[in-house]
C-alpha atoms as a PDB file:
ATOM      1  CA  UNK A   1     -14.437   7.234  -7.708  1.00  0.00           C
ATOM      2  CA  UNK A   2     -13.772   7.718  -4.041  1.00  0.00           C
ATOM      3  CA  UNK A   3     -11.633   5.313  -1.740  1.00  0.00           C
ATOM      4  CA  UNK A   4     -11.773   5.086   2.022  1.00  0.00           C
ATOM      5  CA  UNK A   5     -10.039   3.558   4.909  1.00  0.00           C
ATOM      6  CA  UNK A   6     -13.416   1.787   5.620  1.00  0.00           C
ATOM      7  CA  UNK A   7     -12.417  -0.815   2.946  1.00  0.00           C
ATOM      8  CA  UNK A   8     -15.044   0.619   0.345  1.00  0.00           C
ATOM      9  CA  UNK A   9     -15.108   2.284  -3.214  1.00  0.00           C
ATOM     10  CA  UNK A  10     -17.656   4.579  -4.089  1.00  0.00           C
ATOM     11  CA  UNK A  11     -18.454   5.033  -7.805  1.00  0.00           C
ATOM     12  CA  UNK A  12     -20.334   8.265  -8.625  1.00  0.00           C
ATOM     13  CA  UNK A  13     -21.764  10.021 -11.712  1.00  0.00           C
ATOM     14  CA  UNK A  14     -20.572  13.399 -11.813  1.00  0.00           C
ATOM     15  CA  UNK A  15     -23.283  15.285 -13.466  1.00  0.00           C
ATOM     16  CA  UNK A  16     -26.025  13.950 -11.118  1.00  0.00           C
ATOM     17  CA  UNK A  17     -23.565  13.370  -8.024  1.00  0.00           C
ATOM     18  CA  UNK A  18     -25.518  10.193  -7.520  1.00  0.00           C
ATOM     19  CA  UNK A  19     -23.897   6.981  -6.161  1.00  0.00           C
ATOM     20  CA  UNK A  20     -23.731   4.300  -8.951  1.00  0.00           C
ATOM     21  CA  UNK A  21     -22.262   1.468  -7.052  1.00  0.00           C
ATOM     22  CA  UNK A  22     -20.072   0.494  -4.048  1.00  0.00           C
ATOM     23  CA  UNK A  23     -17.131  -1.765  -4.333  1.00  0.00           C
ATOM     24  CA  UNK A  24     -15.305  -3.475  -1.362  1.00  0.00           C
ATOM     25  CA  UNK A  25     -11.827  -4.542  -0.247  1.00  0.00           C
ATOM     26  CA  UNK A  26     -11.094  -6.397   2.928  1.00  0.00           C
ATOM     27  CA  UNK A  27      -9.314  -3.610   4.407  1.00  0.00           C
ATOM     28  CA  UNK A  28      -8.767   0.008   3.831  1.00  0.00           C
ATOM     29  CA  UNK A  29      -8.104   1.219   0.438  1.00  0.00           C
ATOM     30  CA  UNK A  30      -4.910   3.189  -0.040  1.00  0.00           C
ATOM     31  CA  UNK A  31      -4.972   4.237  -3.776  1.00  0.00           C
ATOM     32  CA  UNK A  32      -6.993   4.097  -6.950  1.00  0.00           C
ATOM     33  CA  UNK A  33      -6.803   4.995 -10.660  1.00  0.00           C
ATOM     34  CA  UNK A  34      -8.829   4.694 -13.692  1.00  0.00           C
ATOM     35  CA  UNK A  35      -6.952   3.294 -17.030  1.00  0.00           C
ATOM     36  CA  UNK A  36      -6.863   5.991 -19.644  1.00  0.00           C
ATOM     37  CA  UNK A  37      -8.935   3.973 -21.983  1.00  0.00           C
ATOM     38  CA  UNK A  38     -11.676   3.999 -19.047  1.00  0.00           C
ATOM     39  CA  UNK A  39     -12.036   0.125 -19.314  1.00  0.00           C
ATOM     40  CA  UNK A  40     -10.736  -0.617 -15.793  1.00  0.00           C
ATOM     41  CA  UNK A  41     -10.695   0.958 -12.308  1.00  0.00           C
ATOM     42  CA  UNK A  42      -7.839  -0.310 -10.226  1.00  0.00           C
ATOM     43  CA  UNK A  43      -7.678  -0.255  -6.460  1.00  0.00           C
ATOM     44  CA  UNK A  44      -5.074  -0.877  -3.797  1.00  0.00           C
ATOM     45  CA  UNK A  45      -5.663  -1.936  -0.227  1.00  0.00           C
ATOM     46  CA  UNK A  46      -4.007  -3.014   2.914  1.00  0.00           C
ATOM     47  CA  UNK A  47      -5.324  -6.385   2.248  1.00  0.00           C
ATOM     48  CA  UNK A  48      -2.468  -7.197   0.143  1.00  0.00           C
ATOM     49  CA  UNK A  49      -4.381  -6.989  -3.174  1.00  0.00           C
ATOM     50  CA  UNK A  50      -4.764  -4.824  -6.287  1.00  0.00           C
ATOM     51  CA  UNK A  51      -8.301  -5.503  -7.587  1.00  0.00           C
ATOM     52  CA  UNK A  52      -9.111  -4.554 -11.111  1.00  0.00           C
ATOM     53  CA  UNK A  53     -12.833  -3.572 -11.845  1.00  0.00           C
ATOM     54  CA  UNK A  54     -14.173  -3.910 -15.443  1.00  0.00           C
ATOM     55  CA  UNK A  55     -16.048  -0.754 -15.917  1.00  0.00           C
ATOM     56  CA  UNK A  56     -17.557  -2.246 -19.132  1.00  0.00           C
ATOM     57  CA  UNK A  57     -18.781  -5.538 -17.521  1.00  0.00           C
ATOM     58  CA  UNK A  58     -21.027  -4.311 -14.558  1.00  0.00           C
ATOM     59  CA  UNK A  59     -17.655  -4.113 -12.406  1.00  0.00           C
ATOM     60  CA  UNK A  60     -16.419  -7.726 -12.803  1.00  0.00           C
ATOM     61  CA  UNK A  61     -13.319  -8.101 -10.596  1.00  0.00           C
ATOM     62  CA  UNK A  62      -9.912  -9.537 -10.729  1.00  0.00           C
ATOM     63  CA  UNK A  63      -7.204  -9.597  -8.217  1.00  0.00           C
ATOM     64  CA  UNK A  64      -3.630  -9.149  -8.401  1.00  0.00           C
ATOM     65  CA  UNK A  65      -2.001 -10.695  -5.107  1.00  0.00           C
ATOM     66  CA  UNK A  66       0.807  -9.160  -3.102  1.00  0.00           C
ATOM     67  CA  UNK A  67       2.614 -10.382   0.081  1.00  0.00           C
ATOM     68  CA  UNK A  68       1.867  -7.291   1.833  1.00  0.00           C
ATOM     69  CA  UNK A  69      -0.396  -4.063   1.804  1.00  0.00           C
ATOM     70  CA  UNK A  70       0.047  -2.086  -1.248  1.00  0.00           C
ATOM     71  CA  UNK A  71       0.922   1.398  -1.127  1.00  0.00           C
ATOM     72  CA  UNK A  72       0.611   2.897  -4.591  1.00  0.00           C
ATOM     73  CA  UNK A  73      -0.269   2.045  -8.361  1.00  0.00           C
ATOM     74  CA  UNK A  74      -0.419   3.558 -11.755  1.00  0.00           C
ATOM     75  CA  UNK A  75      -1.636   2.528 -15.189  1.00  0.00           C
ATOM     76  CA  UNK A  76       0.586   3.116 -18.238  1.00  0.00           C
ATOM     77  CA  UNK A  77      -0.739   5.445 -20.713  1.00  0.00           C
ATOM     78  CA  UNK A  78      -1.612   2.556 -23.008  1.00  0.00           C
ATOM     79  CA  UNK A  79      -3.626   0.812 -20.382  1.00  0.00           C
ATOM     80  CA  UNK A  80      -1.893  -2.459 -21.115  1.00  0.00           C
ATOM     81  CA  UNK A  81       0.219  -2.475 -17.735  1.00  0.00           C
ATOM     82  CA  UNK A  82      -0.132  -1.426 -14.308  1.00  0.00           C
ATOM     83  CA  UNK A  83       2.650  -0.664 -11.790  1.00  0.00           C
ATOM     84  CA  UNK A  84       2.117  -1.446  -8.110  1.00  0.00           C
ATOM     85  CA  UNK A  85       4.112  -0.784  -4.869  1.00  0.00           C
ATOM     86  CA  UNK A  86       3.814  -2.824  -1.731  1.00  0.00           C
ATOM     87  CA  UNK A  87       4.966  -2.372   2.001  1.00  0.00           C
ATOM     88  CA  UNK A  88       7.178  -5.387   1.575  1.00  0.00           C
ATOM     89  CA  UNK A  89       9.437  -3.181  -0.575  1.00  0.00           C
ATOM     90  CA  UNK A  90       8.649  -4.620  -4.091  1.00  0.00           C
ATOM     91  CA  UNK A  91       7.897  -2.889  -7.138  1.00  0.00           C
ATOM     92  CA  UNK A  92       5.792  -4.908  -9.737  1.00  0.00           C
ATOM     93  CA  UNK A  93       4.763  -4.175 -13.485  1.00  0.00           C
ATOM     94  CA  UNK A  94       1.706  -6.259 -14.311  1.00  0.00           C
ATOM     95  CA  UNK A  95      -0.036  -7.172 -17.714  1.00  0.00           C
ATOM     96  CA  UNK A  96      -3.513  -6.069 -17.308  1.00  0.00           C
ATOM     97  CA  UNK A  97      -4.658  -8.690 -19.937  1.00  0.00           C
ATOM     98  CA  UNK A  98      -2.803 -11.645 -18.391  1.00  0.00           C
ATOM     99  CA  UNK A  99      -3.290 -10.606 -14.915  1.00  0.00           C
ATOM    100  CA  UNK A 100       0.321 -11.610 -13.930  1.00  0.00           C
ATOM    101  CA  UNK A 101       3.571  -9.720 -12.898  1.00  0.00           C
ATOM    102  CA  UNK A 102       5.947  -9.251 -15.851  1.00  0.00           C
ATOM    103  CA  UNK A 103       8.724  -8.208 -13.687  1.00  0.00           C
ATOM    104  CA  UNK A 104       9.215  -7.241  -9.977  1.00  0.00           C
ATOM    105  CA  UNK A 105      12.180  -5.765  -8.022  1.00  0.00           C
ATOM    106  CA  UNK A 106      13.281  -4.466  -4.486  1.00  0.00           C
ATOM    107  CA  UNK A 107      12.833  -0.961  -3.635  1.00  0.00           C
ATOM    108  CA  UNK A 108      15.204   0.058  -0.760  1.00  0.00           C
ATOM    109  CA  UNK A 109      12.342   1.615   1.257  1.00  0.00           C
ATOM    110  CA  UNK A 110       8.484   1.704   1.281  1.00  0.00           C
ATOM    111  CA  UNK A 111       7.003   3.600  -1.533  1.00  0.00           C
ATOM    112  CA  UNK A 112       4.927   6.579  -0.824  1.00  0.00           C
ATOM    113  CA  UNK A 113       4.008   7.401  -4.590  1.00  0.00           C
ATOM    114  CA  UNK A 114       4.793   6.296  -7.919  1.00  0.00           C
ATOM    115  CA  UNK A 115       4.148   7.580 -11.408  1.00  0.00           C
ATOM    116  CA  UNK A 116       4.565   6.297 -15.035  1.00  0.00           C
ATOM    117  CA  UNK A 117       5.673   8.617 -17.630  1.00  0.00           C
ATOM    118  CA  UNK A 118       3.316   9.148 -20.739  1.00  0.00           C
ATOM    119  CA  UNK A 119       5.621   7.482 -23.216  1.00  0.00           C
ATOM    120  CA  UNK A 120       5.873   4.507 -21.051  1.00  0.00           C
ATOM    121  CA  UNK A 121       9.645   4.408 -20.718  1.00  0.00           C
ATOM    122  CA  UNK A 122      10.047   5.481 -17.086  1.00  0.00           C
ATOM    123  CA  UNK A 123       8.546   4.791 -13.637  1.00  0.00           C
ATOM    124  CA  UNK A 124       9.412   7.248 -10.850  1.00  0.00           C
ATOM    125  CA  UNK A 125       9.053   6.181  -7.215  1.00  0.00           C
ATOM    126  CA  UNK A 126       9.190   8.089  -4.041  1.00  0.00           C
ATOM    127  CA  UNK A 127       9.941   6.903  -0.561  1.00  0.00           C
ATOM    128  CA  UNK A 128      10.142   7.943   3.084  1.00  0.00           C
ATOM    129  CA  UNK A 129      13.950   8.130   2.281  1.00  0.00           C
ATOM    130  CA  UNK A 130      15.050  11.353   0.511  1.00  0.00           C
ATOM    131  CA  UNK A 131      15.569   9.536  -2.706  1.00  0.00           C
ATOM    132  CA  UNK A 132      13.502   9.364  -5.917  1.00  0.00           C
ATOM    133  CA  UNK A 133      14.157   6.414  -8.089  1.00  0.00           C
ATOM    134  CA  UNK A 134      13.908   6.362 -11.723  1.00  0.00           C
ATOM    135  CA  UNK A 135      13.317   3.100 -13.349  1.00  0.00           C
ATOM    136  CA  UNK A 136      13.674   1.743 -16.939  1.00  0.00           C
ATOM    137  CA  UNK A 137      10.255  -0.201 -17.449  1.00  0.00           C
ATOM    138  CA  UNK A 138      11.712  -2.439 -19.705  1.00  0.00           C
ATOM    139  CA  UNK A 139      14.203  -3.934 -17.213  1.00  0.00           C
ATOM    140  CA  UNK A 140      13.898  -4.138 -13.271  1.00  0.00           C
ATOM    141  CA  UNK A 141      16.742  -1.726 -12.596  1.00  0.00           C
ATOM    142  CA  UNK A 142      17.082   1.710 -11.277  1.00  0.00           C
ATOM    143  CA  UNK A 143      18.510   4.269 -13.862  1.00  0.00           C
ATOM    144  CA  UNK A 144      18.849   7.345 -11.546  1.00  0.00           C
ATOM    145  CA  UNK A 145      18.363   8.361  -7.797  1.00  0.00           C
ATOM    146  CA  UNK A 146      17.357  12.058  -7.540  1.00  0.00           C
ATOM    147  CA  UNK A 147      17.877  13.349  -3.887  1.00  0.00           C
ATOM    148  CA  UNK A 148      15.812  15.587  -1.708  1.00  0.00           C
ATOM    149  CA  UNK A 149      16.675  16.472   1.861  1.00  0.00           C
ATOM    150  CA  UNK A 150      13.749  14.606   3.383  1.00  0.00           C
ATOM    151  CA  UNK A 151      11.069  12.110   2.609  1.00  0.00           C
ATOM    152  CA  UNK A 152       9.233  12.399  -0.753  1.00  0.00           C
ATOM    153  CA  UNK A 153       5.436  12.241  -0.797  1.00  0.00           C
ATOM    154  CA  UNK A 154       4.533  12.887  -4.562  1.00  0.00           C
ATOM    155  CA  UNK A 155       5.795  12.556  -7.893  1.00  0.00           C
ATOM    156  CA  UNK A 156       4.569  13.525 -11.498  1.00  0.00           C
ATOM    157  CA  UNK A 157       5.636  13.138 -15.003  1.00  0.00           C
ATOM    158  CA  UNK A 158       4.728  15.926 -17.393  1.00  0.00           C
ATOM    159  CA  UNK A 159       2.531  14.859 -20.250  1.00  0.00           C
ATOM    160  CA  UNK A 160       5.460  15.302 -22.668  1.00  0.00           C
ATOM    161  CA  UNK A 161       7.575  12.892 -20.522  1.00  0.00           C
ATOM    162  CA  UNK A 162      10.508  15.422 -20.410  1.00  0.00           C
ATOM    163  CA  UNK A 163      10.223  16.406 -17.030  1.00  0.00           C
ATOM    164  CA  UNK A 164       9.529  14.788 -13.651  1.00  0.00           C
ATOM    165  CA  UNK A 165       8.351  16.847 -10.629  1.00  0.00           C
ATOM    166  CA  UNK A 166       9.005  15.647  -7.051  1.00  0.00           C
ATOM    167  CA  UNK A 167       8.046  17.170  -3.494  1.00  0.00           C
ATOM    168  CA  UNK A 168       7.946  16.293  -0.063  1.00  0.00           C
ATOM    169  CA  UNK A 169       8.955  17.219   3.622  1.00  0.00           C
ATOM    170  CA  UNK A 170      11.802  19.163   2.842  1.00  0.00           C
ATOM    171  CA  UNK A 171       9.395  21.913   1.629  1.00  0.00           C
ATOM    172  CA  UNK A 172      10.717  21.983  -1.921  1.00  0.00           C
ATOM    173  CA  UNK A 173       9.220  20.953  -5.140  1.00  0.00           C
ATOM    174  CA  UNK A 174      11.619  20.155  -7.698  1.00  0.00           C
ATOM    175  CA  UNK A 175      11.511  19.516 -11.489  1.00  0.00           C
ATOM    176  CA  UNK A 176      14.069  17.260 -13.260  1.00  0.00           C
ATOM    177  CA  UNK A 177      15.051  17.001 -16.764  1.00  0.00           C
ATOM    178  CA  UNK A 178      14.326  13.179 -17.526  1.00  0.00           C
ATOM    179  CA  UNK A 179      16.705  12.420 -20.315  1.00  0.00           C
ATOM    180  CA  UNK A 180      19.577  14.665 -18.612  1.00  0.00           C
ATOM    181  CA  UNK A 181      18.736  13.418 -15.032  1.00  0.00           C
ATOM    182  CA  UNK A 182      19.251  16.785 -13.808  1.00  0.00           C
ATOM    183  CA  UNK A 183      17.523  19.269 -11.661  1.00  0.00           C
ATOM    184  CA  UNK A 184      16.237  22.245 -13.532  1.00  0.00           C
ATOM    185  CA  UNK A 185      14.007  24.184 -11.128  1.00  0.00           C
ATOM    186  CA  UNK A 186      13.291  24.331  -7.277  1.00  0.00           C
ATOM    187  CA  UNK A 187      10.178  25.831  -5.804  1.00  0.00           C
ATOM    188  CA  UNK A 188      10.400  26.670  -1.964  1.00  0.00           C
ATOM    189  CA  UNK A 189       7.180  26.468   0.179  1.00  0.00           C
ATOM    190  CA  UNK A 190       6.430  27.129   3.818  1.00  0.00           C
ATOM    191  CA  UNK A 191       5.864  23.607   4.615  1.00  0.00           C
ATOM    192  CA  UNK A 192       5.804  20.115   3.327  1.00  0.00           C
ATOM    193  CA  UNK A 193       4.403  19.741  -0.275  1.00  0.00           C
ATOM    194  CA  UNK A 194       1.452  17.539  -0.738  1.00  0.00           C
ATOM    195  CA  UNK A 195       0.645  17.215  -4.369  1.00  0.00           C
ATOM    196  CA  UNK A 196       1.718  18.099  -7.737  1.00  0.00           C
ATOM    197  CA  UNK A 197       0.082  18.517 -11.270  1.00  0.00           C
ATOM    198  CA  UNK A 198       1.275  19.564 -14.674  1.00  0.00           C
ATOM    199  CA  UNK A 199      -0.862  21.339 -17.206  1.00  0.00           C
ATOM    200  CA  UNK A 200      -1.484  19.564 -20.450  1.00  0.00           C
ATOM    201  CA  UNK A 201       0.793  21.271 -22.289  1.00  0.00           C
ATOM    202  CA  UNK A 202       3.663  20.685 -19.901  1.00  0.00           C
ATOM    203  CA  UNK A 203       4.513  24.319 -19.413  1.00  0.00           C
ATOM    204  CA  UNK A 204       2.976  24.814 -15.822  1.00  0.00           C
ATOM    205  CA  UNK A 205       3.337  22.972 -12.553  1.00  0.00           C
ATOM    206  CA  UNK A 206       0.642  23.401  -9.755  1.00  0.00           C
ATOM    207  CA  UNK A 207       1.605  22.613  -6.157  1.00  0.00           C
ATOM    208  CA  UNK A 208      -0.085  22.159  -2.834  1.00  0.00           C
ATOM    209  CA  UNK A 209       1.098  22.598   0.515  1.00  0.00           C
ATOM    210  CA  UNK A 210       0.509  22.013   4.224  1.00  0.00           C
ATOM    211  CA  UNK A 211       0.890  25.742   4.753  1.00  0.00           C
ATOM    212  CA  UNK A 212      -2.623  26.119   2.938  1.00  0.00           C
ATOM    213  CA  UNK A 213      -1.236  27.459  -0.202  1.00  0.00           C
ATOM    214  CA  UNK A 214      -1.509  26.554  -3.742  1.00  0.00           C
ATOM    215  CA  UNK A 215       0.952  27.722  -6.292  1.00  0.00           C
ATOM    216  CA  UNK A 216       1.269  27.710 -10.124  1.00  0.00           C
ATOM    217  CA  UNK A 217       4.904  27.929 -11.364  1.00  0.00           C
ATOM    218  CA  UNK A 218       6.642  27.850 -14.835  1.00  0.00           C
ATOM    219  CA  UNK A 219       7.777  24.363 -14.882  1.00  0.00           C
ATOM    220  CA  UNK A 220      11.205  24.873 -16.690  1.00  0.00           C
ATOM    221  CA  UNK A 221      12.073  27.727 -14.904  1.00  0.00           C
ATOM    222  CA  UNK A 222      10.497  27.631 -11.497  1.00  0.00           C
ATOM    223  CA  UNK A 223       9.189  31.067 -11.764  1.00  0.00           C
ATOM    224  CA  UNK A 224       5.596  31.815 -10.461  1.00  0.00           C
END
């Protein structure tokens, strides 16, 4: 699935590269994600909605309303919940089956990215300020604030939920031990870092940067 600022979502078949269907918002689309059970596609937009498209029911649609445009979203690993962040500074956790917010809380700044740990215990949010906030999914409260020296653009949990990788405009990617809330590795880049991804066994971290480079690091040590 691909999303565009022209308010469209294109669903493509990978093998044939053919367009299967086209979905629509009322304004530019800012984020999308498939649930891990492949039942839903969630899309976020400047039109102040998250839309849930049922993959199994010919793309039947449900809408999760927000007060302002939505900047980021992520499904929980069991596909039962979806976490959203909007430009009014609110973080929400929704029940997918009931289509209603379980809780919401205020984030002190607009969220640029978010991630949900595979074990379902944590949400991490990144902001234009130099703070990554770690949230307990059971309660709307911050349990840790992890500091950078510039705005943070991307966050990712390792598949084993032990590590959190964060990166942004300060040119560093950092790996944090989630249970201990401590930084364990720092990887310098020549420019701002744009993307992060862990390997399936949680031992390696790939990073991409505006300096036109991509690197692969040992997650626990920061060595290349």
